[in-house]
Amino acid sequence: SKFLLVKARVGRPKGLWNLPGGHLDEGETFSDAAKREAKEETGLDVEIGDILCIAHENLDDSVVIVIFKANVTGGIIPFSQDEIEEVKWFPFGEISKMNKENITHNAYNSVMAFIKKQQLNYSTTKMTA
């Protein structure tokens, strides 16, 4: 599996690799916000899948983070250079070896949780086949 990460040019995760994301607009669902933010930050259209992780952070305010699996359905990567410094696809192995000072805690943990879930699903399938 590959994971699309963005390196923020501004804001609290500035200079760190992170999953595309942002805030909820009024009346917006979590999945609609995820689609919109993916398009704004990467230029890609995505289909939102299962929730991978729900996390909580106490920053200036209390923040709930919902991380989804998503599949790219179209678009190209002409990302917003006002907010984003770089957009890059990473294989799992590269993320697992990444210095934790270069990636946000939530991005790293979400990727690890996804891989663990995939390995459990593979093991269960292999054992029952």
Protein backbone atom coordinates (compact mmCIF):
# COMPACT_ATOMS: atom_id res chain seq x y z
CA SER A 1 0.00 0.00 0.00
CA LYS A 2 1.02 3.59 -0.67
CA PHE A 3 0.04 6.59 1.40
CA LEU A 4 -0.33 10.15 0.16
CA LEU A 5 1.16 12.64 2.59
CA VAL A 6 1.45 16.41 2.47
CA LYS A 7 4.11 18.61 4.04
CA ALA A 8 2.54 21.73 5.51
CA ARG A 9 4.00 25.13 4.64
CA VAL A 10 2.02 26.89 7.43
CA GLY A 11 0.17 26.09 10.63
CA ARG A 12 0.81 23.76 13.52
CA PRO A 13 2.17 20.84 11.43
CA LYS A 14 4.50 23.16 9.45
CA GLY A 15 7.40 21.20 7.96
CA LEU A 16 5.97 17.83 8.96
CA TRP A 17 4.52 15.12 6.76
CA ASN A 18 0.84 14.69 7.50
CA LEU A 19 -2.30 13.22 6.02
CA PRO A 20 -4.34 15.69 3.93
CA GLY A 21 -6.97 17.28 6.14
CA GLY A 22 -8.46 20.33 7.75
CA HIS A 23 -11.56 21.68 9.42
CA LEU A 24 -15.27 21.02 9.02
CA ASP A 25 -17.34 23.69 7.31
CA GLU A 26 -20.74 24.38 8.85
CA GLY A 27 -23.21 21.60 7.98
CA GLU A 28 -20.50 19.42 6.44
CA THR A 29 -20.10 15.72 7.28
CA PHE A 30 -16.70 14.29 8.22
CA SER A 31 -16.51 12.36 4.93
CA ASP A 32 -17.49 15.42 2.86
CA ALA A 33 -14.79 17.45 4.64
CA ALA A 34 -12.23 14.72 3.95
CA LYS A 35 -13.09 14.77 0.21
CA ARG A 36 -12.94 18.55 0.05
CA GLU A 37 -9.65 18.79 1.95
CA ALA A 38 -8.04 16.06 -0.18
CA LYS A 39 -8.98 18.04 -3.31
CA GLU A 40 -7.82 21.37 -1.86
CA GLU A 41 -4.50 20.07 -0.53
CA THR A 42 -3.53 17.55 -3.23
CA GLY A 43 -5.63 18.27 -6.32
CA LEU A 44 -6.96 14.70 -6.28
CA ASP A 45 -10.56 13.49 -6.27
CA VAL A 46 -11.12 10.70 -3.76
CA GLU A 47 -13.77 8.20 -2.78
CA ILE A 48 -14.00 8.00 0.99
CA GLY A 49 -13.95 4.55 2.57
CA ASP A 50 -13.85 3.18 6.09
CA ILE A 51 -12.74 5.13 9.14
CA LEU A 52 -9.16 4.13 10.02
CA CYS A 53 -8.75 6.06 13.22
CA ILE A 54 -10.45 8.56 15.52
CA ALA A 55 -8.10 10.62 17.66
CA HIS A 56 -8.28 13.55 20.05
CA GLU A 57 -5.81 16.37 20.55
CA ASN A 58 -5.77 19.28 22.97
CA LEU A 59 -4.22 22.12 21.04
CA ASP A 60 -5.52 25.66 21.53
CA ASP A 61 -8.95 24.00 21.46
CA SER A 62 -10.06 20.41 21.84
CA VAL A 63 -9.82 18.75 18.41
CA VAL A 64 -11.31 15.47 17.18
CA ILE A 65 -9.50 13.91 14.23
CA VAL A 66 -11.25 11.38 11.98
CA ILE A 67 -9.00 9.59 9.49
CA PHE A 68 -10.50 7.73 6.54
CA LYS A 69 -9.20 5.28 3.99
CA ALA A 70 -9.63 6.84 0.55
CA ASN A 71 -9.16 5.76 -3.04
CA VAL A 72 -8.08 8.20 -5.75
CA THR A 73 -10.71 8.49 -8.48
CA GLY A 74 -9.26 11.35 -10.54
CA GLY A 75 -7.48 14.65 -10.63
CA ILE A 76 -3.82 15.58 -10.77
CA ILE A 77 -1.46 16.90 -8.09
CA PRO A 78 -1.21 20.68 -8.61
CA PHE A 79 -1.38 21.32 -4.86
CA SER A 80 -1.99 24.67 -3.18
CA GLN A 81 1.48 26.09 -2.63
CA ASP A 82 0.05 28.65 -0.18
CA GLU A 83 -0.59 25.92 2.40
CA ILE A 84 1.37 22.90 1.20
CA GLU A 85 5.12 22.64 0.60
CA GLU A 86 5.13 19.16 -0.97
CA VAL A 87 2.82 16.23 -1.81
CA LYS A 88 4.30 12.76 -2.08
CA TRP A 89 3.30 9.10 -2.23
CA PHE A 90 5.09 6.98 0.36
CA PRO A 91 5.31 3.19 0.54
CA PHE A 92 4.64 1.75 4.00
CA GLY A 93 8.27 0.76 4.52
CA GLU A 94 9.46 4.33 4.09
CA ILE A 95 6.91 5.66 6.61
CA SER A 96 7.67 2.94 9.15
CA LYS A 97 11.35 3.99 9.11
CA MET A 98 10.60 7.72 9.15
CA ASN A 99 12.07 9.81 11.95
CA LYS A 100 9.10 10.75 14.13
CA GLU A 101 10.30 14.35 14.09
CA ASN A 102 9.39 14.45 10.36
CA ILE A 103 5.81 13.14 10.53
CA THR A 104 2.82 14.01 12.68
CA HIS A 105 1.93 11.59 15.46
CA ASN A 106 -1.57 11.02 14.01
CA ALA A 107 -0.31 10.35 10.48
CA TYR A 108 2.28 7.84 11.69
CA ASN A 109 -0.15 6.04 14.02
CA SER A 110 -2.89 5.91 11.38
CA VAL A 111 -0.58 4.33 8.81
CA MET A 112 0.61 1.78 11.39
CA ALA A 113 -3.01 0.98 12.38
CA PHE A 114 -3.99 0.51 8.74
CA ILE A 115 -1.09 -1.87 8.07
CA LYS A 116 -1.81 -3.83 11.26
CA LYS A 117 -5.47 -4.20 10.22
CA GLN A 118 -4.41 -5.34 6.73
CA GLN A 119 -2.03 -7.91 8.23
CA LEU A 120 -4.74 -9.21 10.58
CA ASN A 121 -7.18 -9.52 7.68
CA TYR A 122 -4.54 -11.35 5.62
CA SER A 123 -3.72 -13.72 8.49
CA THR A 124 -7.39 -14.50 9.10
CA THR A 125 -7.98 -15.14 5.40
CA LYS A 126 -4.87 -17.29 5.13
CA MET A 127 -5.80 -19.33 8.22
CA THR A 128 -9.39 -19.98 7.10
CA ALA A 129 -8.62 -20.69 3.47
